[in-house]
Amino acid sequence: MTNTTKIGWIGLGLMGNPMSQQLLKAGYPLTVYNRHKDKEAGLIQQGAGTASTPKELLQQTDIVIIMVTDDKAIREIFEGENGLLQADVSNKVIVNMSTVSPGINKEMAELCGQQGNHLLDAPVSGSVKQAETAQLVIMAGGDNDVFEQVKPILEKLGKMVTNVGTIGAGNAAKLAINTLLSFYTQGLAEAVILAKNNGIEPETLLNLLSNTAIGNPYSKLKGEAIVNNNFKAAFTLKNIVKDLQLSRDIGLDTPLGQTALKTFEAASAKFGDEDLIAIYKHLDK
């Protein structure tokens, strides 16, 4: 597709805002819709148009990309009074980049098909920094011909874009990745606490860790957050709880999975709006 393709964007949160800006930078005509209209202002100043409803957005564009939080938001966007499924249009492509259940994508894909439109799920691995620098990893599920049609657009958002299977497969892959992310985050927090309780400063442990086989950019980033007492959310703790619950719903029933879900759920009441590494504060008692 050329840069004359009209793109609609739904969801201008921590991830959606910088991701949609990448498309403007790439020269695509962009129209946005957000439930809270104040979040549209910055994109409008950069040249984006605005739609009053998801229905109107789909009518005005060729492709609609969605980046919202959960299944409830997806259902409202599609099935609401002025939702996408109310638009009398066909041959449109909808790309759901939200981390939601594989099941709701399968359900919405069937309804879109009845409407004459196409749905891909294409969640991302990466956080705000990767969204701001177009370095996300994007895993799609759905018809490969449709995927190839939108791949050039998705490549403006990420460093890797791949189709991993049928509809819902993208979200299943993303949930597997975020399950491992929860294990690593809790493990890092527990290791820092163990060292600290035995007289080893967090900075010392993290310096050692960065020079071992298991050191990586994530441990450096989240280790620095612990050291600097900076728990501003790049990916909220309550969202990892949501993802672990979705993983449980598709079959996660293993010792580490059960433990991580229990731990993050317990931390969410107090630290849910902070970054997921705030699990450190919950465990450091």
Protein backbone atom coordinates (compact mmCIF):
# COMPACT_ATOMS: atom_id res chain seq x y z
CA MET A 1 0.00 0.00 0.00
CA THR A 2 1.19 3.52 -0.74
CA ASN A 3 1.22 6.43 1.65
CA THR A 4 -2.11 7.53 0.21
CA THR A 5 -3.77 4.76 2.24
CA LYS A 6 -6.13 6.39 4.72
CA ILE A 7 -5.52 5.05 8.20
CA GLY A 8 -7.83 5.32 11.19
CA TRP A 9 -6.52 4.92 14.74
CA ILE A 10 -8.48 4.05 17.87
CA GLY A 11 -6.84 4.38 21.29
CA LEU A 12 -4.38 7.12 22.24
CA GLY A 13 -2.96 5.85 25.52
CA LEU A 14 0.67 5.30 26.53
CA MET A 15 1.31 3.13 23.48
CA GLY A 16 -1.27 4.31 20.97
CA ASN A 17 -0.16 7.91 21.00
CA PRO A 18 3.51 7.41 20.03
CA MET A 19 2.61 4.56 17.63
CA SER A 20 0.10 6.67 15.72
CA GLN A 21 2.66 9.48 15.51
CA GLN A 22 4.96 7.14 13.58
CA LEU A 23 2.34 6.89 10.83
CA LEU A 24 2.05 10.65 10.61
CA LYS A 25 5.84 10.87 10.34
CA ALA A 26 5.69 8.32 7.52
CA GLY A 27 3.28 10.57 5.63
CA TYR A 28 0.08 8.56 5.94
CA PRO A 29 -3.25 10.41 6.09
CA LEU A 30 -4.36 9.67 9.67
CA THR A 31 -7.72 10.09 11.36
CA VAL A 32 -8.04 9.33 15.08
CA TYR A 33 -10.77 8.43 17.50
CA ASN A 34 -10.42 8.34 21.26
CA ARG A 35 -13.13 8.05 23.87
CA HIS A 36 -11.54 10.93 25.81
CA LYS A 37 -11.32 13.60 23.15
CA ASP A 38 -8.64 15.67 24.93
CA LYS A 39 -6.09 12.98 24.03
CA GLU A 40 -6.65 13.72 20.34
CA ALA A 41 -5.39 17.31 20.55
CA GLY A 42 -1.68 16.59 20.09
CA LEU A 43 -2.27 14.40 17.03
CA ILE A 44 -4.61 16.97 15.49
CA GLN A 45 -1.91 19.62 15.92
CA GLN A 46 0.44 17.34 13.99
CA GLY A 47 -2.01 17.03 11.11
CA ALA A 48 -4.36 14.20 11.99
CA GLY A 49 -8.09 14.37 11.41
CA THR A 50 -10.67 13.25 13.94
CA ALA A 51 -13.81 11.13 13.85
CA SER A 52 -16.68 11.32 16.31
CA THR A 53 -17.32 7.55 16.48
CA PRO A 54 -15.65 4.27 15.47
CA LYS A 55 -18.38 3.84 12.85
CA GLU A 56 -17.52 7.18 11.26
CA LEU A 57 -13.82 6.37 11.42
CA LEU A 58 -14.24 3.13 9.47
CA GLN A 59 -16.38 4.89 6.88
CA GLN A 60 -13.68 7.54 6.33
CA THR A 61 -10.60 5.30 6.11
CA ASP A 62 -9.16 2.21 4.40
CA ILE A 63 -7.58 0.60 7.47
CA VAL A 64 -8.43 1.01 11.14
CA ILE A 65 -5.84 0.17 13.80
CA ILE A 66 -6.92 -0.38 17.40
CA MET A 67 -4.72 -0.08 20.50
CA VAL A 68 -6.79 -0.27 23.70
CA THR A 69 -6.56 -2.04 27.03
CA ASP A 70 -8.94 -4.96 27.30
CA ASP A 71 -11.76 -7.12 25.94
CA LYS A 72 -14.41 -4.80 27.32
CA ALA A 73 -13.05 -1.87 25.32
CA ILE A 74 -12.84 -4.02 22.19
CA ARG A 75 -16.44 -5.13 22.51
CA GLU A 76 -17.61 -1.53 22.87
CA ILE A 77 -15.55 -0.40 19.86
CA PHE A 78 -17.04 -3.10 17.65
CA GLU A 79 -20.53 -3.64 19.06
CA GLY A 80 -21.42 -0.27 20.56
CA GLU A 81 -24.24 1.88 19.26
CA ASN A 82 -21.86 3.60 16.83
CA GLY A 83 -19.29 0.83 16.71
CA LEU A 84 -17.31 -0.52 13.79
CA LEU A 85 -19.89 -3.21 13.06
CA GLN A 86 -22.53 -0.54 12.49
CA ALA A 87 -20.71 0.88 9.48
CA ASP A 88 -22.26 -0.03 6.12
CA VAL A 89 -18.90 -0.60 4.39
CA SER A 90 -16.93 -3.56 3.04
CA ASN A 91 -13.39 -4.51 1.96
CA LYS A 92 -11.88 -2.64 4.89
CA VAL A 93 -9.09 -3.99 7.10
CA ILE A 94 -9.17 -3.71 10.89
CA VAL A 95 -5.93 -4.42 12.78
CA ASN A 96 -6.34 -5.03 16.50
CA MET A 97 -2.97 -4.36 18.13
CA SER A 98 -4.37 -4.58 21.66
CA THR A 99 -3.31 -7.33 24.05
CA VAL A 100 -6.65 -9.03 24.58
CA SER A 101 -7.99 -12.57 24.56
CA PRO A 102 -7.55 -14.67 21.42
CA GLY A 103 -11.22 -15.55 21.77
CA ILE A 104 -12.56 -12.04 21.33
CA ASN A 105 -10.48 -11.59 18.19
CA LYS A 106 -11.91 -14.80 16.74
CA GLU A 107 -15.42 -13.62 17.60
CA MET A 108 -14.94 -10.16 16.09
CA ALA A 109 -13.21 -11.60 13.01
CA GLU A 110 -16.28 -13.70 12.27
CA LEU A 111 -18.56 -10.68 12.63
CA CYS A 112 -16.27 -8.57 10.44
CA GLY A 113 -16.32 -11.29 7.82
CA GLN A 114 -20.12 -11.24 7.79
CA GLN A 115 -19.85 -7.49 7.27
CA GLY A 116 -17.46 -7.98 4.34
CA ASN A 117 -14.39 -6.71 6.17
CA HIS A 118 -11.18 -8.31 7.46
CA LEU A 119 -9.65 -8.47 10.94
CA LEU A 120 -6.09 -9.20 11.99
CA ASP A 121 -4.83 -9.37 15.54
CA ALA A 122 -1.33 -7.88 15.77
CA PRO A 123 -0.23 -7.18 19.37
CA VAL A 124 3.22 -5.81 20.10
CA SER A 125 6.13 -6.63 22.35
CA GLY A 126 7.84 -3.54 23.65
CA SER A 127 6.98 -0.56 25.76
CA VAL A 128 6.75 3.21 25.39
CA LYS A 129 10.40 3.69 24.42
CA GLN A 130 10.10 1.13 21.63
CA ALA A 131 6.84 2.72 20.46
CA GLU A 132 8.54 6.12 20.30
CA THR A 133 11.41 4.75 18.22
CA ALA A 134 9.44 2.29 16.02
CA GLN A 135 11.34 -0.67 17.50
CA LEU A 136 8.36 -2.81 18.49
CA VAL A 137 8.08 -6.52 17.70
CA ILE A 138 4.72 -7.15 16.05
CA MET A 139 3.13 -10.62 15.94
CA ALA A 140 0.04 -11.01 13.78
CA GLY A 141 -2.67 -13.61 13.44
CA GLY A 142 -4.99 -13.91 10.47
CA ASP A 143 -5.22 -14.37 6.71
CA ASN A 144 -1.77 -14.06 5.17
CA ASP A 145 -2.97 -12.13 2.11
CA VAL A 146 -4.50 -9.50 4.40
CA PHE A 147 -1.33 -9.50 6.50
CA GLU A 148 0.84 -8.85 3.45
CA GLN A 149 -1.47 -6.00 2.47
CA VAL A 150 -0.90 -4.14 5.74
CA LYS A 151 2.65 -5.28 6.51
CA PRO A 152 4.28 -2.14 5.00
CA ILE A 153 2.24 -0.02 7.39
CA LEU A 154 3.07 -2.18 10.41
CA GLU A 155 6.75 -1.96 9.45
CA LYS A 156 6.56 1.77 10.19
CA LEU A 157 5.81 0.83 13.80
CA GLY A 158 8.22 -2.00 14.52
CA LYS A 159 11.58 -3.59 13.80
CA MET A 160 10.05 -7.04 13.28
CA VAL A 161 6.64 -7.84 11.79
CA THR A 162 5.60 -11.46 11.34
CA ASN A 163 2.45 -13.51 10.86
CA VAL A 164 2.45 -16.35 13.41
CA GLY A 165 -0.77 -18.13 12.43
CA THR A 166 -4.52 -17.89 12.22
CA ILE A 167 -6.68 -15.26 13.89
CA GLY A 168 -5.95 -15.15 17.62
CA ALA A 169 -2.44 -16.55 17.26
CA GLY A 170 -0.87 -13.12 17.61
CA ASN A 171 -2.48 -12.65 20.98
CA ALA A 172 -1.58 -16.16 22.11
CA ALA A 173 2.07 -15.45 21.26
CA LYS A 174 1.94 -12.10 23.05
CA LEU A 175 0.47 -13.69 26.18
CA ALA A 176 3.25 -16.28 26.20
CA ILE A 177 5.84 -13.49 25.98
CA ASN A 178 4.22 -11.46 28.75
CA THR A 179 3.95 -14.54 30.94
CA LEU A 180 7.73 -14.92 30.72
CA LEU A 181 8.06 -11.16 31.31
CA SER A 182 6.20 -11.53 34.60
CA PHE A 183 8.50 -14.38 35.67
CA TYR A 184 11.59 -12.36 34.88
CA THR A 185 10.30 -9.21 36.57
CA GLN A 186 9.42 -11.00 39.79
CA GLY A 187 12.68 -12.96 39.68
CA LEU A 188 14.73 -9.79 39.29
CA ALA A 189 12.92 -8.16 42.22
CA GLU A 190 13.44 -11.22 44.42
CA ALA A 191 17.14 -11.44 43.53
CA VAL A 192 17.72 -7.78 44.41
CA ILE A 193 15.90 -8.22 47.72
CA LEU A 194 17.88 -11.38 48.58
CA ALA A 195 21.16 -9.62 47.89
CA LYS A 196 20.17 -6.49 49.80
CA ASN A 197 19.13 -8.51 52.84
CA ASN A 198 22.61 -10.03 52.84
CA GLY A 199 24.47 -6.75 52.73
CA ILE A 200 24.92 -6.39 48.98
CA GLU A 201 23.79 -3.08 47.50
CA PRO A 202 21.38 -3.30 44.54
CA GLU A 203 23.83 -1.36 42.34
CA THR A 204 26.54 -3.93 43.05
CA LEU A 205 24.31 -6.88 42.23
CA LEU A 206 23.03 -5.25 39.04
CA ASN A 207 26.57 -4.49 37.87
CA LEU A 208 27.47 -8.14 38.41
CA LEU A 209 24.32 -9.27 36.66
CA SER A 210 24.99 -7.14 33.58
CA ASN A 211 28.28 -8.99 33.10
CA THR A 212 26.80 -12.48 33.33
CA ALA A 213 25.14 -14.68 30.74
CA ILE A 214 21.70 -13.78 32.11
CA GLY A 215 22.19 -10.03 32.01
CA ASN A 216 20.10 -8.19 29.40
CA PRO A 217 18.72 -4.72 28.56
CA TYR A 218 15.51 -5.42 30.49
CA SER A 219 17.31 -6.22 33.75
CA LYS A 220 19.42 -3.09 33.30
CA LEU A 221 16.37 -0.90 32.67
CA LYS A 222 14.28 -2.27 35.52
CA GLY A 223 17.28 -2.52 37.83
CA GLU A 224 17.91 1.19 37.33
CA ALA A 225 14.26 1.84 38.17
CA ILE A 226 14.71 0.03 41.49
CA VAL A 227 17.95 1.86 42.29
CA ASN A 228 16.47 5.26 41.41
CA ASN A 229 13.13 4.55 43.09
CA ASN A 230 11.44 5.41 39.79
CA PHE A 231 8.27 3.40 39.26
CA LYS A 232 6.60 5.62 36.67
CA ALA A 233 4.64 3.29 34.43
CA ALA A 234 5.91 2.24 31.04
CA PHE A 235 3.79 -0.90 31.43
CA THR A 236 1.50 -0.90 34.43
CA LEU A 237 1.42 -3.61 37.04
CA LYS A 238 -2.35 -3.91 36.65
CA ASN A 239 -1.88 -4.67 32.96
CA ILE A 240 0.47 -7.57 33.64
CA VAL A 241 -2.22 -8.88 35.97
CA LYS A 242 -4.72 -8.63 33.11
CA ASP A 243 -2.37 -10.47 30.79
CA LEU A 244 -1.64 -13.23 33.29
CA GLN A 245 -5.36 -13.71 33.78
CA LEU A 246 -5.78 -14.00 30.01
CA SER A 247 -2.91 -16.52 29.93
CA ARG A 248 -4.65 -18.52 32.64
CA ASP A 249 -7.82 -18.47 30.59
CA ILE A 250 -6.05 -20.06 27.60
CA GLY A 251 -4.32 -22.75 29.64
CA LEU A 252 -1.54 -21.37 31.84
CA ASP A 253 -1.66 -23.80 34.77
CA THR A 254 1.96 -24.26 35.78
CA PRO A 255 3.75 -23.57 39.09
CA LEU A 256 5.48 -20.35 38.00
CA GLY A 257 2.37 -19.10 36.23
CA GLN A 258 0.16 -19.64 39.24
CA THR A 259 2.70 -18.00 41.55
CA ALA A 260 3.24 -14.96 39.34
CA LEU A 261 -0.49 -14.36 38.96
CA LYS A 262 -1.04 -14.63 42.71
CA THR A 263 1.84 -12.29 43.49
CA PHE A 264 0.98 -9.59 40.97
CA GLU A 265 -2.71 -9.73 41.88
CA ALA A 266 -1.79 -9.15 45.52
CA ALA A 267 0.37 -6.17 44.57
CA SER A 268 -2.15 -4.60 42.22
CA ALA A 269 -4.41 -3.01 44.82
CA LYS A 270 -1.60 -0.75 46.03
CA PHE A 271 0.76 -0.56 43.07
CA GLY A 272 -1.47 -1.28 40.07
CA ASP A 273 -0.96 2.09 38.37
CA GLU A 274 2.81 1.99 38.75
CA ASP A 275 5.25 0.14 36.51
CA LEU A 276 5.24 -3.64 36.82
CA ILE A 277 8.68 -3.53 38.49
CA ALA A 278 6.83 -2.04 41.48
CA ILE A 279 6.42 -5.70 42.38
CA TYR A 280 9.75 -5.01 44.09
CA LYS A 281 8.05 -2.68 46.56
CA HIS A 282 5.33 -5.23 47.26
CA LEU A 283 7.89 -7.97 47.98
CA ASP A 284 10.39 -5.82 49.89
CA LYS A 285 8.74 -6.09 53.28
